[in-house]
Amino acid sequence: MIPRDTLSHIADAASEFQFLDDTTLDFLRGRWPGLHFTLCGDNDVPARLSPVLERPGFNVYLVNGSEHCLTLTNDPEVAIGVVLAWMDEE
């Protein structure tokens, strides 16, 4: 479970970085050591899934690890991790 206020704090912290990269992930992992963090492009996320949070330049999705395989979810009650998906500049 990831509380909604924690998700907002994570997104705000990631927003402070000029780029979403390994430095960002290292910081987030150090600040929230019990969570899993992943980066990808927003176009790599299935279009049917809505982000749980949006920030300028990236969207936030959640990872569910309650079943055999990891899946994306919109339910923070079952979330064990966060995906930061950068938006391509147009």
C-alpha atoms as a PDB file:
ATOM      1  CA  MET A   1       0.000   0.000   0.000  1.00  0.00           C
ATOM      2  CA  ILE A   2       1.175   3.487  -0.861  1.00  0.00           C
ATOM      3  CA  PRO A   3      -0.759   6.322   0.812  1.00  0.00           C
ATOM      4  CA  ARG A   4      -1.962   9.025  -1.584  1.00  0.00           C
ATOM      5  CA  ASP A   5      -0.049  11.742   0.276  1.00  0.00           C
ATOM      6  CA  THR A   6       3.145   9.691  -0.147  1.00  0.00           C
ATOM      7  CA  LEU A   7       2.468   9.512  -3.890  1.00  0.00           C
ATOM      8  CA  SER A   8       2.171  13.290  -3.996  1.00  0.00           C
ATOM      9  CA  HIS A   9       5.436  13.678  -2.075  1.00  0.00           C
ATOM     10  CA  ILE A  10       7.170  11.266  -4.468  1.00  0.00           C
ATOM     11  CA  ALA A  11       5.895  13.139  -7.534  1.00  0.00           C
ATOM     12  CA  ASP A  12       6.879  16.478  -6.029  1.00  0.00           C
ATOM     13  CA  ALA A  13      10.366  15.192  -5.198  1.00  0.00           C
ATOM     14  CA  ALA A  14      10.821  13.818  -8.733  1.00  0.00           C
ATOM     15  CA  SER A  15       9.685  17.173 -10.140  1.00  0.00           C
ATOM     16  CA  GLU A  16      12.694  18.817  -8.513  1.00  0.00           C
ATOM     17  CA  PHE A  17      15.059  16.964 -10.873  1.00  0.00           C
ATOM     18  CA  GLN A  18      15.833  18.386 -14.291  1.00  0.00           C
ATOM     19  CA  PHE A  19      15.800  14.873 -15.783  1.00  0.00           C
ATOM     20  CA  LEU A  20      14.250  11.586 -14.713  1.00  0.00           C
ATOM     21  CA  ASP A  21      17.269   9.285 -14.593  1.00  0.00           C
ATOM     22  CA  ASP A  22      19.269   7.016 -12.277  1.00  0.00           C
ATOM     23  CA  THR A  23      20.083   9.974 -10.017  1.00  0.00           C
ATOM     24  CA  THR A  24      16.365  10.573  -9.537  1.00  0.00           C
ATOM     25  CA  LEU A  25      15.762   6.889  -8.803  1.00  0.00           C
ATOM     26  CA  ASP A  26      18.653   6.738  -6.339  1.00  0.00           C
ATOM     27  CA  PHE A  27      17.241   9.718  -4.454  1.00  0.00           C
ATOM     28  CA  LEU A  28      13.711   8.292  -4.365  1.00  0.00           C
ATOM     29  CA  ARG A  29      14.923   4.849  -3.288  1.00  0.00           C
ATOM     30  CA  GLY A  30      16.919   6.441  -0.491  1.00  0.00           C
ATOM     31  CA  ARG A  31      13.961   8.500   0.681  1.00  0.00           C
ATOM     32  CA  TRP A  32      11.395   5.677   0.391  1.00  0.00           C
ATOM     33  CA  PRO A  33      13.453   2.478   0.775  1.00  0.00           C
ATOM     34  CA  GLY A  34      10.457   0.136   1.018  1.00  0.00           C
ATOM     35  CA  LEU A  35       9.160   1.012  -2.436  1.00  0.00           C
ATOM     36  CA  HIS A  36      10.208  -0.033  -5.926  1.00  0.00           C
ATOM     37  CA  PHE A  37      10.847   2.710  -8.495  1.00  0.00           C
ATOM     38  CA  THR A  38      11.010   2.401 -12.272  1.00  0.00           C
ATOM     39  CA  LEU A  39      11.428   4.793 -15.191  1.00  0.00           C
ATOM     40  CA  CYS A  40       9.980   4.474 -18.671  1.00  0.00           C
ATOM     41  CA  GLY A  41       8.491   6.548 -21.439  1.00  0.00           C
ATOM     42  CA  ASP A  42       4.794   7.309 -21.145  1.00  0.00           C
ATOM     43  CA  ASN A  43       4.283   5.796 -24.598  1.00  0.00           C
ATOM     44  CA  ASP A  44       5.456   2.452 -23.111  1.00  0.00           C
ATOM     45  CA  VAL A  45       2.450   2.381 -20.757  1.00  0.00           C
ATOM     46  CA  PRO A  46      -0.769   0.833 -22.122  1.00  0.00           C
ATOM     47  CA  ALA A  47      -3.089   3.587 -23.355  1.00  0.00           C
ATOM     48  CA  ARG A  48      -6.020   2.108 -21.426  1.00  0.00           C
ATOM     49  CA  LEU A  49      -4.308   2.871 -18.110  1.00  0.00           C
ATOM     50  CA  SER A  50      -4.683   6.343 -16.630  1.00  0.00           C
ATOM     51  CA  PRO A  51      -1.911   7.817 -14.490  1.00  0.00           C
ATOM     52  CA  VAL A  52      -2.598   8.182 -10.774  1.00  0.00           C
ATOM     53  CA  LEU A  53      -0.826  11.556 -10.834  1.00  0.00           C
ATOM     54  CA  GLU A  54       0.355  13.920 -13.534  1.00  0.00           C
ATOM     55  CA  ARG A  55       3.218  16.358 -13.287  1.00  0.00           C
ATOM     56  CA  PRO A  56       4.784  18.579 -15.952  1.00  0.00           C
ATOM     57  CA  GLY A  57       6.931  16.290 -18.074  1.00  0.00           C
ATOM     58  CA  PHE A  58       5.901  12.964 -16.538  1.00  0.00           C
ATOM     59  CA  ASN A  59       3.052  10.787 -15.319  1.00  0.00           C
ATOM     60  CA  VAL A  60       2.950   8.533 -12.267  1.00  0.00           C
ATOM     61  CA  TYR A  61       1.689   4.936 -12.407  1.00  0.00           C
ATOM     62  CA  LEU A  62       1.604   2.203  -9.768  1.00  0.00           C
ATOM     63  CA  VAL A  63       2.923  -1.353  -9.687  1.00  0.00           C
ATOM     64  CA  ASN A  64       0.941  -4.201  -8.127  1.00  0.00           C
ATOM     65  CA  GLY A  65       2.980  -7.115  -6.826  1.00  0.00           C
ATOM     66  CA  SER A  66       0.217  -9.100  -5.120  1.00  0.00           C
ATOM     67  CA  GLU A  67      -0.026 -11.703  -7.865  1.00  0.00           C
ATOM     68  CA  HIS A  68       2.506 -13.979  -9.539  1.00  0.00           C
ATOM     69  CA  CYS A  69       3.631 -11.289 -12.019  1.00  0.00           C
ATOM     70  CA  LEU A  70       4.024  -7.575 -11.589  1.00  0.00           C
ATOM     71  CA  THR A  71       1.242  -5.537 -13.181  1.00  0.00           C
ATOM     72  CA  LEU A  72       0.265  -1.894 -13.382  1.00  0.00           C
ATOM     73  CA  THR A  73      -2.633  -0.752 -11.241  1.00  0.00           C
ATOM     74  CA  ASN A  74      -4.516   2.385 -10.265  1.00  0.00           C
ATOM     75  CA  ASP A  75      -5.166   1.039  -6.771  1.00  0.00           C
ATOM     76  CA  PRO A  76      -2.731   2.419  -4.169  1.00  0.00           C
ATOM     77  CA  GLU A  77      -4.014  -0.207  -1.695  1.00  0.00           C
ATOM     78  CA  VAL A  78      -2.196  -2.981  -3.598  1.00  0.00           C
ATOM     79  CA  ALA A  79       0.717  -0.899  -4.922  1.00  0.00           C
ATOM     80  CA  ILE A  80       4.293  -1.834  -4.048  1.00  0.00           C
ATOM     81  CA  GLY A  81       6.030   0.481  -6.461  1.00  0.00           C
ATOM     82  CA  VAL A  82       5.930   3.581  -8.609  1.00  0.00           C
ATOM     83  CA  VAL A  83       6.580   4.066 -12.313  1.00  0.00           C
ATOM     84  CA  LEU A  84       7.653   7.524 -13.433  1.00  0.00           C
ATOM     85  CA  ALA A  85       6.852   7.785 -17.137  1.00  0.00           C
ATOM     86  CA  TRP A  86       8.385  10.739 -18.914  1.00  0.00           C
ATOM     87  CA  MET A  87       6.415  12.517 -21.602  1.00  0.00           C
ATOM     88  CA  ASP A  88       7.999  12.964 -25.002  1.00  0.00           C
ATOM     89  CA  GLU A  89       8.387  16.594 -25.960  1.00  0.00           C
ATOM     90  CA  GLU A  90       6.363  17.501 -29.006  1.00  0.00           C
END
